[in-house]
Amino acid sequence: MPLDLKGVRPLKIFHKFHAKPTEFRGRVYPSKAQARYAQELELRKRAGEVFFWLEEVPFRLPNGTIHRVDFEVFLTCGVVEFVEVKGYDTVLGKLKRELVESLYPITITVVRS
């Protein structure tokens, strides 16, 4: 027997920091700030400064958790940048970034919106 879903609303999900999911080029980013940064990367790519980038790059931590960096940006000059876009930065986020930087030979740049 098929379910009648007429009039049923989908469950609305709220972000704990009131971030608004935003679409850019067919991809939905968790916040307007991340979508704006992706748009900036696209402009930098067209200008020849950025070769390409990866999103949501995972780093494994010793306690079994994974910290995901928002963007890994490959510049045309051969430099690789790791970027996190933050509207609000938490103490736990700072600790995880410090842990990732101590375990891996990288530096994470925080871009504030």
PDB file of N, CA and C in Angstrom:
ATOM      1  N   MET A   1       0.844  -1.168   0.000  1.00  0.00           N
ATOM      2  CA  MET A   1       0.000   0.000   0.000  1.00  0.00           C
ATOM      3  C   MET A   1       0.903   1.250   0.000  1.00  0.00           C
ATOM      4  N   PRO A   2       0.808   2.119  -1.033  1.00  0.00           N
ATOM      5  CA  PRO A   2       1.662   3.303  -1.105  1.00  0.00           C
ATOM      6  C   PRO A   2       1.277   4.333  -0.036  1.00  0.00           C
ATOM      7  N   LEU A   3       2.295   5.052   0.427  1.00  0.00           N
ATOM      8  CA  LEU A   3       2.060   6.095   1.422  1.00  0.00           C
ATOM      9  C   LEU A   3       1.584   7.369   0.744  1.00  0.00           C
ATOM     10  N   ASP A   4       0.643   8.032   1.354  1.00  0.00           N
ATOM     11  CA  ASP A   4       0.161   9.310   0.845  1.00  0.00           C
ATOM     12  C   ASP A   4       0.926  10.419   1.566  1.00  0.00           C
ATOM     13  N   LEU A   5       1.857  11.081   0.846  1.00  0.00           N
ATOM     14  CA  LEU A   5       2.687  12.117   1.450  1.00  0.00           C
ATOM     15  C   LEU A   5       2.206  13.516   1.100  1.00  0.00           C
ATOM     16  N   LYS A   6       0.987  13.599   0.591  1.00  0.00           N
ATOM     17  CA  LYS A   6       0.438  14.902   0.230  1.00  0.00           C
ATOM     18  C   LYS A   6       0.252  15.741   1.507  1.00  0.00           C
ATOM     19  N   GLY A   7       0.804  16.942   1.489  1.00  0.00           N
ATOM     20  CA  GLY A   7       0.672  17.827   2.642  1.00  0.00           C
ATOM     21  C   GLY A   7       1.726  17.614   3.718  1.00  0.00           C
ATOM     22  N   VAL A   8       2.622  16.628   3.532  1.00  0.00           N
ATOM     23  CA  VAL A   8       3.668  16.381   4.523  1.00  0.00           C
ATOM     24  C   VAL A   8       4.875  17.242   4.182  1.00  0.00           C
ATOM     25  N   ARG A   9       5.332  18.005   5.143  1.00  0.00           N
ATOM     26  CA  ARG A   9       6.500  18.859   4.934  1.00  0.00           C
ATOM     27  C   ARG A   9       7.780  18.103   5.292  1.00  0.00           C
ATOM     28  N   PRO A  10       8.849  18.345   4.550  1.00  0.00           N
ATOM     29  CA  PRO A  10      10.112  17.719   4.934  1.00  0.00           C
ATOM     30  C   PRO A  10      10.624  18.337   6.238  1.00  0.00           C
ATOM     31  N   LEU A  11      11.373  17.565   6.977  1.00  0.00           N
ATOM     32  CA  LEU A  11      11.934  18.024   8.236  1.00  0.00           C
ATOM     33  C   LEU A  11      12.940  19.129   7.968  1.00  0.00           C
ATOM     34  N   LYS A  12      12.792  20.260   8.626  1.00  0.00           N
ATOM     35  CA  LYS A  12      13.698  21.384   8.436  1.00  0.00           C
ATOM     36  C   LYS A  12      14.863  21.234   9.407  1.00  0.00           C
ATOM     37  N   ILE A  13      16.078  21.346   8.873  1.00  0.00           N
ATOM     38  CA  ILE A  13      17.273  21.179   9.684  1.00  0.00           C
ATOM     39  C   ILE A  13      17.868  22.555   9.976  1.00  0.00           C
ATOM     40  N   PHE A  14      18.171  22.803  11.235  1.00  0.00           N
ATOM     41  CA  PHE A  14      18.760  24.072  11.642  1.00  0.00           C
ATOM     42  C   PHE A  14      20.216  23.853  12.023  1.00  0.00           C
ATOM     43  N   HIS A  15      21.076  24.763  11.598  1.00  0.00           N
ATOM     44  CA  HIS A  15      22.485  24.706  11.945  1.00  0.00           C
ATOM     45  C   HIS A  15      22.672  25.362  13.304  1.00  0.00           C
ATOM     46  N   LYS A  16      23.581  24.817  14.109  1.00  0.00           N
ATOM     47  CA  LYS A  16      23.734  25.346  15.461  1.00  0.00           C
ATOM     48  C   LYS A  16      24.243  26.790  15.483  1.00  0.00           C
ATOM     49  N   PHE A  17      24.898  27.244  14.421  1.00  0.00           N
ATOM     50  CA  PHE A  17      25.362  28.628  14.360  1.00  0.00           C
ATOM     51  C   PHE A  17      24.554  29.438  13.345  1.00  0.00           C
ATOM     52  N   HIS A  18      23.389  28.948  12.978  1.00  0.00           N
ATOM     53  CA  HIS A  18      22.454  29.621  12.076  1.00  0.00           C
ATOM     54  C   HIS A  18      23.023  29.834  10.668  1.00  0.00           C
ATOM     55  N   ALA A  19      23.912  28.946  10.238  1.00  0.00           N
ATOM     56  CA  ALA A  19      24.443  29.024   8.876  1.00  0.00           C
ATOM     57  C   ALA A  19      23.342  28.651   7.899  1.00  0.00           C
ATOM     58  N   LYS A  20      23.333  29.309   6.763  1.00  0.00           N
ATOM     59  CA  LYS A  20      22.321  29.064   5.741  1.00  0.00           C
ATOM     60  C   LYS A  20      22.954  28.309   4.575  1.00  0.00           C
ATOM     61  N   PRO A  21      22.494  27.087   4.280  1.00  0.00           N
ATOM     62  CA  PRO A  21      23.022  26.377   3.114  1.00  0.00           C
ATOM     63  C   PRO A  21      22.838  27.218   1.861  1.00  0.00           C
ATOM     64  N   THR A  22      23.880  27.272   1.037  1.00  0.00           N
ATOM     65  CA  THR A  22      23.877  28.127  -0.149  1.00  0.00           C
ATOM     66  C   THR A  22      24.420  27.359  -1.333  1.00  0.00           C
ATOM     67  N   GLU A  23      23.752  27.508  -2.474  1.00  0.00           N
ATOM     68  CA  GLU A  23      24.176  26.798  -3.680  1.00  0.00           C
ATOM     69  C   GLU A  23      25.075  27.693  -4.536  1.00  0.00           C
ATOM     70  N   PHE A  24      26.120  27.076  -5.074  1.00  0.00           N
ATOM     71  CA  PHE A  24      26.991  27.738  -6.035  1.00  0.00           C
ATOM     72  C   PHE A  24      27.446  26.695  -7.042  1.00  0.00           C
ATOM     73  N   ARG A  25      27.150  26.932  -8.306  1.00  0.00           N
ATOM     74  CA  ARG A  25      27.523  26.041  -9.400  1.00  0.00           C
ATOM     75  C   ARG A  25      27.078  24.590  -9.175  1.00  0.00           C
ATOM     76  N   GLY A  26      25.852  24.433  -8.727  1.00  0.00           N
ATOM     77  CA  GLY A  26      25.272  23.102  -8.597  1.00  0.00           C
ATOM     78  C   GLY A  26      25.644  22.364  -7.330  1.00  0.00           C
ATOM     79  N   ARG A  27      26.451  22.962  -6.468  1.00  0.00           N
ATOM     80  CA  ARG A  27      26.825  22.317  -5.214  1.00  0.00           C
ATOM     81  C   ARG A  27      26.277  23.146  -4.068  1.00  0.00           C
ATOM     82  N   VAL A  28      25.746  22.483  -3.057  1.00  0.00           N
ATOM     83  CA  VAL A  28      25.216  23.179  -1.893  1.00  0.00           C
ATOM     84  C   VAL A  28      26.287  23.192  -0.810  1.00  0.00           C
ATOM     85  N   TYR A  29      26.680  24.400  -0.413  1.00  0.00           N
ATOM     86  CA  TYR A  29      27.673  24.579   0.643  1.00  0.00           C
ATOM     87  C   TYR A  29      26.951  24.766   1.968  1.00  0.00           C
ATOM     88  N   PRO A  30      27.571  24.349   3.081  1.00  0.00           N
ATOM     89  CA  PRO A  30      26.902  24.446   4.377  1.00  0.00           C
ATOM     90  C   PRO A  30      26.633  25.870   4.842  1.00  0.00           C
ATOM     91  N   SER A  31      27.341  26.853   4.276  1.00  0.00           N
ATOM     92  CA  SER A  31      27.129  28.235   4.706  1.00  0.00           C
ATOM     93  C   SER A  31      27.349  29.185   3.532  1.00  0.00           C
ATOM     94  N   LYS A  32      26.831  30.398   3.697  1.00  0.00           N
ATOM     95  CA  LYS A  32      27.039  31.427   2.680  1.00  0.00           C
ATOM     96  C   LYS A  32      28.521  31.765   2.560  1.00  0.00           C
ATOM     97  N   ALA A  33      29.224  31.747   3.681  1.00  0.00           N
ATOM     98  CA  ALA A  33      30.650  32.082   3.684  1.00  0.00           C
ATOM     99  C   ALA A  33      31.454  31.086   2.843  1.00  0.00           C
ATOM    100  N   GLN A  34      31.149  29.807   2.978  1.00  0.00           N
ATOM    101  CA  GLN A  34      31.860  28.805   2.174  1.00  0.00           C
ATOM    102  C   GLN A  34      31.521  28.948   0.697  1.00  0.00           C
ATOM    103  N   ALA A  35      30.285  29.248   0.387  1.00  0.00           N
ATOM    104  CA  ALA A  35      29.901  29.445  -1.010  1.00  0.00           C
ATOM    105  C   ALA A  35      30.617  30.654  -1.593  1.00  0.00           C
ATOM    106  N   ARG A  36      30.728  31.735  -0.809  1.00  0.00           N
ATOM    107  CA  ARG A  36      31.457  32.924  -1.271  1.00  0.00           C
ATOM    108  C   ARG A  36      32.932  32.607  -1.495  1.00  0.00           C
ATOM    109  N   TYR A  37      33.524  31.807  -0.607  1.00  0.00           N
ATOM    110  CA  TYR A  37      34.935  31.453  -0.774  1.00  0.00           C
ATOM    111  C   TYR A  37      35.120  30.597  -2.029  1.00  0.00           C
ATOM    112  N   ALA A  38      34.199  29.671  -2.289  1.00  0.00           N
ATOM    113  CA  ALA A  38      34.269  28.862  -3.508  1.00  0.00           C
ATOM    114  C   ALA A  38      34.155  29.756  -4.739  1.00  0.00           C
ATOM    115  N   GLN A  39      33.306  30.767  -4.664  1.00  0.00           N
ATOM    116  CA  GLN A  39      33.165  31.721  -5.775  1.00  0.00           C
ATOM    117  C   GLN A  39      34.478  32.485  -5.970  1.00  0.00           C
ATOM    118  N   GLU A  40      35.118  32.867  -4.869  1.00  0.00           N
ATOM    119  CA  GLU A  40      36.413  33.552  -4.949  1.00  0.00           C
ATOM    120  C   GLU A  40      37.464  32.640  -5.584  1.00  0.00           C
ATOM    121  N   LEU A  41      37.457  31.356  -5.206  1.00  0.00           N
ATOM    122  CA  LEU A  41      38.399  30.403  -5.802  1.00  0.00           C
ATOM    123  C   LEU A  41      38.164  30.275  -7.306  1.00  0.00           C
ATOM    124  N   GLU A  42      36.900  30.282  -7.709  1.00  0.00           N
ATOM    125  CA  GLU A  42      36.577  30.197  -9.138  1.00  0.00           C
ATOM    126  C   GLU A  42      37.132  31.408  -9.885  1.00  0.00           C
ATOM    127  N   LEU A  43      37.002  32.589  -9.304  1.00  0.00           N
ATOM    128  CA  LEU A  43      37.557  33.792  -9.930  1.00  0.00           C
ATOM    129  C   LEU A  43      39.077  33.733  -9.991  1.00  0.00           C
ATOM    130  N   ARG A  44      39.698  33.248  -8.919  1.00  0.00           N
ATOM    131  CA  ARG A  44      41.164  33.112  -8.902  1.00  0.00           C
ATOM    132  C   ARG A  44      41.640  32.072  -9.916  1.00  0.00           C
ATOM    133  N   LYS A  45      40.811  31.050 -10.137  1.00  0.00           N
ATOM    134  CA  LYS A  45      41.149  30.040 -11.147  1.00  0.00           C
ATOM    135  C   LYS A  45      41.109  30.656 -12.537  1.00  0.00           C
ATOM    136  N   ARG A  46      40.073  31.455 -12.809  1.00  0.00           N
ATOM    137  CA  ARG A  46      39.969  32.116 -14.109  1.00  0.00           C
ATOM    138  C   ARG A  46      41.110  33.099 -14.335  1.00  0.00           C
ATOM    139  N   ALA A  47      41.621  33.684 -13.252  1.00  0.00           N
ATOM    140  CA  ALA A  47      42.731  34.631 -13.350  1.00  0.00           C
ATOM    141  C   ALA A  47      44.074  33.919 -13.498  1.00  0.00           C
ATOM    142  N   GLY A  48      44.081  32.591 -13.328  1.00  0.00           N
ATOM    143  CA  GLY A  48      45.313  31.829 -13.495  1.00  0.00           C
ATOM    144  C   GLY A  48      46.118  31.646 -12.225  1.00  0.00           C
ATOM    145  N   GLU A  49      45.577  32.039 -11.092  1.00  0.00           N
ATOM    146  CA  GLU A  49      46.295  31.910  -9.822  1.00  0.00           C
ATOM    147  C   GLU A  49      46.094  30.539  -9.178  1.00  0.00           C
ATOM    148  N   VAL A  50      44.890  29.980  -9.334  1.00  0.00           N
ATOM    149  CA  VAL A  50      44.542  28.684  -8.739  1.00  0.00           C
ATOM    150  C   VAL A  50      44.447  27.641  -9.841  1.00  0.00           C
ATOM    151  N   PHE A  51      45.086  26.485  -9.596  1.00  0.00           N
ATOM    152  CA  PHE A  51      45.020  25.380 -10.555  1.00  0.00           C
ATOM    153  C   PHE A  51      43.712  24.601 -10.348  1.00  0.00           C
ATOM    154  N   PHE A  52      43.486  24.128  -9.104  1.00  0.00           N
ATOM    155  CA  PHE A  52      42.222  23.494  -8.732  1.00  0.00           C
ATOM    156  C   PHE A  52      42.164  23.415  -7.215  1.00  0.00           C
ATOM    157  N   TRP A  53      41.022  22.937  -6.681  1.00  0.00           N
ATOM    158  CA  TRP A  53      40.898  22.775  -5.239  1.00  0.00           C
ATOM    159  C   TRP A  53      40.046  21.567  -4.923  1.00  0.00           C
ATOM    160  N   LEU A  54      40.231  21.063  -3.702  1.00  0.00           N
ATOM    161  CA  LEU A  54      39.432  19.966  -3.173  1.00  0.00           C
ATOM    162  C   LEU A  54      38.631  20.501  -1.994  1.00  0.00           C
ATOM    163  N   GLU A  55      37.498  19.893  -1.737  1.00  0.00           N
ATOM    164  CA  GLU A  55      36.636  20.330  -0.638  1.00  0.00           C
ATOM    165  C   GLU A  55      36.457  19.210   0.375  1.00  0.00           C
ATOM    166  N   GLU A  56      36.286  19.612   1.637  1.00  0.00           N
ATOM    167  CA  GLU A  56      36.048  18.668   2.735  1.00  0.00           C
ATOM    168  C   GLU A  56      37.152  17.598   2.798  1.00  0.00           C
ATOM    169  N   VAL A  57      38.389  18.037   2.919  1.00  0.00           N
ATOM    170  CA  VAL A  57      39.544  17.134   2.939  1.00  0.00           C
ATOM    171  C   VAL A  57      39.690  16.540   4.342  1.00  0.00           C
ATOM    172  N   PRO A  58      39.636  15.195   4.464  1.00  0.00           N
ATOM    173  CA  PRO A  58      39.673  14.576   5.795  1.00  0.00           C
ATOM    174  C   PRO A  58      41.101  14.345   6.305  1.00  0.00           C
ATOM    175  N   PHE A  59      41.269  14.545   7.613  1.00  0.00           N
ATOM    176  CA  PHE A  59      42.506  14.208   8.307  1.00  0.00           C
ATOM    177  C   PHE A  59      42.134  13.336   9.491  1.00  0.00           C
ATOM    178  N   ARG A  60      42.766  12.175   9.589  1.00  0.00           N
ATOM    179  CA  ARG A  60      42.478  11.257  10.689  1.00  0.00           C
ATOM    180  C   ARG A  60      43.263  11.679  11.931  1.00  0.00           C
ATOM    181  N   LEU A  61      42.563  11.673  13.069  1.00  0.00           N
ATOM    182  CA  LEU A  61      43.178  12.014  14.340  1.00  0.00           C
ATOM    183  C   LEU A  61      43.340  10.748  15.175  1.00  0.00           C
ATOM    184  N   PRO A  62      44.277  10.738  16.128  1.00  0.00           N
ATOM    185  CA  PRO A  62      44.579   9.520  16.885  1.00  0.00           C
ATOM    186  C   PRO A  62      43.402   8.914  17.634  1.00  0.00           C
ATOM    187  N   ASN A  63      42.452   9.712  18.077  1.00  0.00           N
ATOM    188  CA  ASN A  63      41.333   9.167  18.854  1.00  0.00           C
ATOM    189  C   ASN A  63      40.238   8.569  17.973  1.00  0.00           C
ATOM    190  N   GLY A  64      40.504   8.417  16.682  1.00  0.00           N
ATOM    191  CA  GLY A  64      39.540   7.805  15.780  1.00  0.00           C
ATOM    192  C   GLY A  64      38.606   8.780  15.095  1.00  0.00           C
ATOM    193  N   THR A  65      38.699  10.062  15.431  1.00  0.00           N
ATOM    194  CA  THR A  65      37.842  11.046  14.778  1.00  0.00           C
ATOM    195  C   THR A  65      38.506  11.567  13.513  1.00  0.00           C
ATOM    196  N   ILE A  66      37.725  12.254  12.731  1.00  0.00           N
ATOM    197  CA  ILE A  66      38.217  12.842  11.483  1.00  0.00           C
ATOM    198  C   ILE A  66      37.927  14.326  11.524  1.00  0.00           C
ATOM    199  N   HIS A  67      38.937  15.122  11.204  1.00  0.00           N
ATOM    200  CA  HIS A  67      38.747  16.570  11.073  1.00  0.00           C
ATOM    201  C   HIS A  67      38.770  16.894   9.589  1.00  0.00           C
ATOM    202  N   ARG A  68      37.745  17.566   9.112  1.00  0.00           N
ATOM    203  CA  ARG A  68      37.657  17.910   7.690  1.00  0.00           C
ATOM    204  C   ARG A  68      37.970  19.388   7.490  1.00  0.00           C
ATOM    205  N   VAL A  69      38.977  19.634   6.662  1.00  0.00           N
ATOM    206  CA  VAL A  69      39.343  21.000   6.301  1.00  0.00           C
ATOM    207  C   VAL A  69      38.481  21.382   5.106  1.00  0.00           C
ATOM    208  N   ASP A  70      37.934  22.598   5.120  1.00  0.00           N
ATOM    209  CA  ASP A  70      36.976  23.013   4.105  1.00  0.00           C
ATOM    210  C   ASP A  70      37.542  22.965   2.687  1.00  0.00           C
ATOM    211  N   PHE A  71      38.739  23.517   2.475  1.00  0.00           N
ATOM    212  CA  PHE A  71      39.315  23.594   1.132  1.00  0.00           C
ATOM    213  C   PHE A  71      40.804  23.270   1.151  1.00  0.00           C
ATOM    214  N   GLU A  72      41.245  22.502   0.170  1.00  0.00           N
ATOM    215  CA  GLU A  72      42.669  22.311  -0.116  1.00  0.00           C
ATOM    216  C   GLU A  72      42.881  22.931  -1.495  1.00  0.00           C
ATOM    217  N   VAL A  73      43.647  24.012  -1.539  1.00  0.00           N
ATOM    218  CA  VAL A  73      43.785  24.813  -2.747  1.00  0.00           C
ATOM    219  C   VAL A  73      45.178  24.608  -3.338  1.00  0.00           C
ATOM    220  N   PHE A  74      45.216  24.232  -4.612  1.00  0.00           N
ATOM    221  CA  PHE A  74      46.474  24.034  -5.335  1.00  0.00           C
ATOM    222  C   PHE A  74      46.704  25.253  -6.223  1.00  0.00           C
ATOM    223  N   LEU A  75      47.713  26.035  -5.883  1.00  0.00           N
ATOM    224  CA  LEU A  75      48.026  27.231  -6.649  1.00  0.00           C
ATOM    225  C   LEU A  75      48.918  26.880  -7.834  1.00  0.00           C
ATOM    226  N   THR A  76      48.882  27.697  -8.861  1.00  0.00           N
ATOM    227  CA  THR A  76      49.669  27.423 -10.070  1.00  0.00           C
ATOM    228  C   THR A  76      51.162  27.560  -9.811  1.00  0.00           C
ATOM    229  N   CYS A  77      51.554  28.246  -8.739  1.00  0.00           N
ATOM    230  CA  CYS A  77      52.985  28.388  -8.422  1.00  0.00           C
ATOM    231  C   CYS A  77      53.525  27.178  -7.689  1.00  0.00           C
ATOM    232  N   GLY A  78      52.684  26.153  -7.426  1.00  0.00           N
ATOM    233  CA  GLY A  78      53.134  24.933  -6.780  1.00  0.00           C
ATOM    234  C   GLY A  78      52.856  24.868  -5.287  1.00  0.00           C
ATOM    235  N   VAL A  79      52.295  25.904  -4.716  1.00  0.00           N
ATOM    236  CA  VAL A  79      51.985  25.947  -3.287  1.00  0.00           C
ATOM    237  C   VAL A  79      50.613  25.322  -3.047  1.00  0.00           C
ATOM    238  N   VAL A  80      50.480  24.609  -1.933  1.00  0.00           N
ATOM    239  CA  VAL A  80      49.202  24.013  -1.535  1.00  0.00           C
ATOM    240  C   VAL A  80      48.758  24.686  -0.244  1.00  0.00           C
ATOM    241  N   GLU A  81      47.538  25.197  -0.225  1.00  0.00           N
ATOM    242  CA  GLU A  81      46.981  25.862   0.954  1.00  0.00           C
ATOM    243  C   GLU A  81      45.835  25.028   1.511  1.00  0.00           C
ATOM    244  N   PHE A  82      45.734  25.005   2.845  1.00  0.00           N
ATOM    245  CA  PHE A  82      44.608  24.372   3.525  1.00  0.00           C
ATOM    246  C   PHE A  82      43.823  25.484   4.198  1.00  0.00           C
ATOM    247  N   VAL A  83      42.542  25.592   3.863  1.00  0.00           N
ATOM    248  CA  VAL A  83      41.742  26.738   4.304  1.00  0.00           C
ATOM    249  C   VAL A  83      40.457  26.264   4.983  1.00  0.00           C
ATOM    250  N   GLU A  84      40.162  26.875   6.124  1.00  0.00           N
ATOM    251  CA  GLU A  84      38.875  26.680   6.784  1.00  0.00           C
ATOM    252  C   GLU A  84      38.161  28.024   6.813  1.00  0.00           C
ATOM    253  N   VAL A  85      36.904  28.018   6.430  1.00  0.00           N
ATOM    254  CA  VAL A  85      36.091  29.232   6.416  1.00  0.00           C
ATOM    255  C   VAL A  85      35.222  29.203   7.665  1.00  0.00           C
ATOM    256  N   LYS A  86      35.341  30.244   8.481  1.00  0.00           N
ATOM    257  CA  LYS A  86      34.621  30.278   9.749  1.00  0.00           C
ATOM    258  C   LYS A  86      33.837  31.568   9.902  1.00  0.00           C
ATOM    259  N   GLY A  87      32.607  31.429  10.313  1.00  0.00           N
ATOM    260  CA  GLY A  87      31.824  32.582  10.734  1.00  0.00           C
ATOM    261  C   GLY A  87      31.979  32.726  12.232  1.00  0.00           C
ATOM    262  N   TYR A  88      32.017  31.591  12.918  1.00  0.00           N
ATOM    263  CA  TYR A  88      32.198  31.544  14.359  1.00  0.00           C
ATOM    264  C   TYR A  88      33.160  30.409  14.646  1.00  0.00           C
ATOM    265  N   ASP A  89      34.220  30.688  15.355  1.00  0.00           N
ATOM    266  CA  ASP A  89      35.234  29.677  15.646  1.00  0.00           C
ATOM    267  C   ASP A  89      35.081  29.211  17.089  1.00  0.00           C
ATOM    268  N   THR A  90      35.093  27.897  17.287  1.00  0.00           N
ATOM    269  CA  THR A  90      34.945  27.342  18.626  1.00  0.00           C
ATOM    270  C   THR A  90      36.291  26.898  19.173  1.00  0.00           C
ATOM    271  N   VAL A  91      36.343  26.692  20.472  1.00  0.00           N
ATOM    272  CA  VAL A  91      37.566  26.216  21.119  1.00  0.00           C
ATOM    273  C   VAL A  91      37.903  24.817  20.599  1.00  0.00           C
ATOM    274  N   LEU A  92      36.900  23.967  20.443  1.00  0.00           N
ATOM    275  CA  LEU A  92      37.136  22.615  19.936  1.00  0.00           C
ATOM    276  C   LEU A  92      37.701  22.648  18.525  1.00  0.00           C
ATOM    277  N   GLY A  93      37.196  23.546  17.677  1.00  0.00           N
ATOM    278  CA  GLY A  93      37.717  23.683  16.318  1.00  0.00           C
ATOM    279  C   GLY A  93      39.174  24.091  16.314  1.00  0.00           C
ATOM    280  N   LYS A  94      39.533  25.030  17.188  1.00  0.00           N
ATOM    281  CA  LYS A  94      40.925  25.468  17.292  1.00  0.00           C
ATOM    282  C   LYS A  94      41.824  24.325  17.746  1.00  0.00           C
ATOM    283  N   LEU A  95      41.354  23.557  18.731  1.00  0.00           N
ATOM    284  CA  LEU A  95      42.149  22.432  19.227  1.00  0.00           C
ATOM    285  C   LEU A  95      42.368  21.377  18.145  1.00  0.00           C
ATOM    286  N   LYS A  96      41.319  21.081  17.388  1.00  0.00           N
ATOM    287  CA  LYS A  96      41.449  20.089  16.321  1.00  0.00           C
ATOM    288  C   LYS A  96      42.416  20.572  15.242  1.00  0.00           C
ATOM    289  N   ARG A  97      42.347  21.860  14.889  1.00  0.00           N
ATOM    290  CA  ARG A  97      43.287  22.404  13.902  1.00  0.00           C
ATOM    291  C   ARG A  97      44.721  22.289  14.399  1.00  0.00           C
ATOM    292  N   GLU A  98      44.940  22.630  15.668  1.00  0.00           N
ATOM    293  CA  GLU A  98      46.279  22.526  16.245  1.00  0.00           C
ATOM    294  C   GLU A  98      46.762  21.081  16.237  1.00  0.00           C
ATOM    295  N   LEU A  99      45.874  20.147  16.521  1.00  0.00           N
ATOM    296  CA  LEU A  99      46.235  18.735  16.512  1.00  0.00           C
ATOM    297  C   LEU A  99      46.598  18.275  15.105  1.00  0.00           C
ATOM    298  N   VAL A 100      45.799  18.668  14.119  1.00  0.00           N
ATOM    299  CA  VAL A 100      46.097  18.311  12.727  1.00  0.00           C
ATOM    300  C   VAL A 100      47.456  18.882  12.319  1.00  0.00           C
ATOM    301  N   GLU A 101      47.704  20.149  12.672  1.00  0.00           N
ATOM    302  CA  GLU A 101      48.974  20.786  12.306  1.00  0.00           C
ATOM    303  C   GLU A 101      50.158  20.150  13.011  1.00  0.00           C
ATOM    304  N   SER A 102      49.939  19.588  14.199  1.00  0.00           N
ATOM    305  CA  SER A 102      51.043  18.925  14.895  1.00  0.00           C
ATOM    306  C   SER A 102      51.316  17.527  14.337  1.00  0.00           C
ATOM    307  N   LEU A 103      50.299  16.892  13.773  1.00  0.00           N
ATOM    308  CA  LEU A 103      50.457  15.535  13.240  1.00  0.00           C
ATOM    309  C   LEU A 103      50.876  15.507  11.777  1.00  0.00           C
ATOM    310  N   TYR A 104      50.461  16.507  11.019  1.00  0.00           N
ATOM    311  CA  TYR A 104      50.730  16.558   9.585  1.00  0.00           C
ATOM    312  C   TYR A 104      51.563  17.807   9.274  1.00  0.00           C
ATOM    313  N   PRO A 105      52.410  17.734   8.244  1.00  0.00           N
ATOM    314  CA  PRO A 105      53.248  18.905   7.918  1.00  0.00           C
ATOM    315  C   PRO A 105      52.503  19.962   7.122  1.00  0.00           C
ATOM    316  N   ILE A 106      51.437  20.510   7.712  1.00  0.00           N
ATOM    317  CA  ILE A 106      50.631  21.521   7.021  1.00  0.00           C
ATOM    318  C   ILE A 106      50.324  22.670   7.973  1.00  0.00           C
ATOM    319  N   THR A 107      49.883  23.763   7.394  1.00  0.00           N
ATOM    320  CA  THR A 107      49.366  24.900   8.150  1.00  0.00           C
ATOM    321  C   THR A 107      47.973  25.201   7.616  1.00  0.00           C
ATOM    322  N   ILE A 108      47.020  25.321   8.524  1.00  0.00           N
ATOM    323  CA  ILE A 108      45.637  25.598   8.143  1.00  0.00           C
ATOM    324  C   ILE A 108      45.371  27.084   8.322  1.00  0.00           C
ATOM    325  N   THR A 109      44.953  27.722   7.256  1.00  0.00           N
ATOM    326  CA  THR A 109      44.600  29.141   7.293  1.00  0.00           C
ATOM    327  C   THR A 109      43.111  29.264   7.576  1.00  0.00           C
ATOM    328  N   VAL A 110      42.767  30.135   8.518  1.00  0.00           N
ATOM    329  CA  VAL A 110      41.355  30.370   8.850  1.00  0.00           C
ATOM    330  C   VAL A 110      40.909  31.660   8.191  1.00  0.00           C
ATOM    331  N   VAL A 111      39.861  31.579   7.371  1.00  0.00           N
ATOM    332  CA  VAL A 111      39.270  32.737   6.731  1.00  0.00           C
ATOM    333  C   VAL A 111      37.975  33.040   7.463  1.00  0.00           C
ATOM    334  N   ARG A 112      37.869  34.228   7.998  1.00  0.00           N
ATOM    335  CA  ARG A 112      36.672  34.617   8.746  1.00  0.00           C
ATOM    336  C   ARG A 112      35.725  35.377   7.820  1.00  0.00           C
ATOM    337  N   SER A 113      34.449  35.070   7.983  1.00  0.00           N
ATOM    338  CA  SER A 113      33.462  35.748   7.122  1.00  0.00           C
ATOM    339  C   SER A 113      32.892  36.956   7.809  1.00  0.00           C
TER     340      SER A 113
END
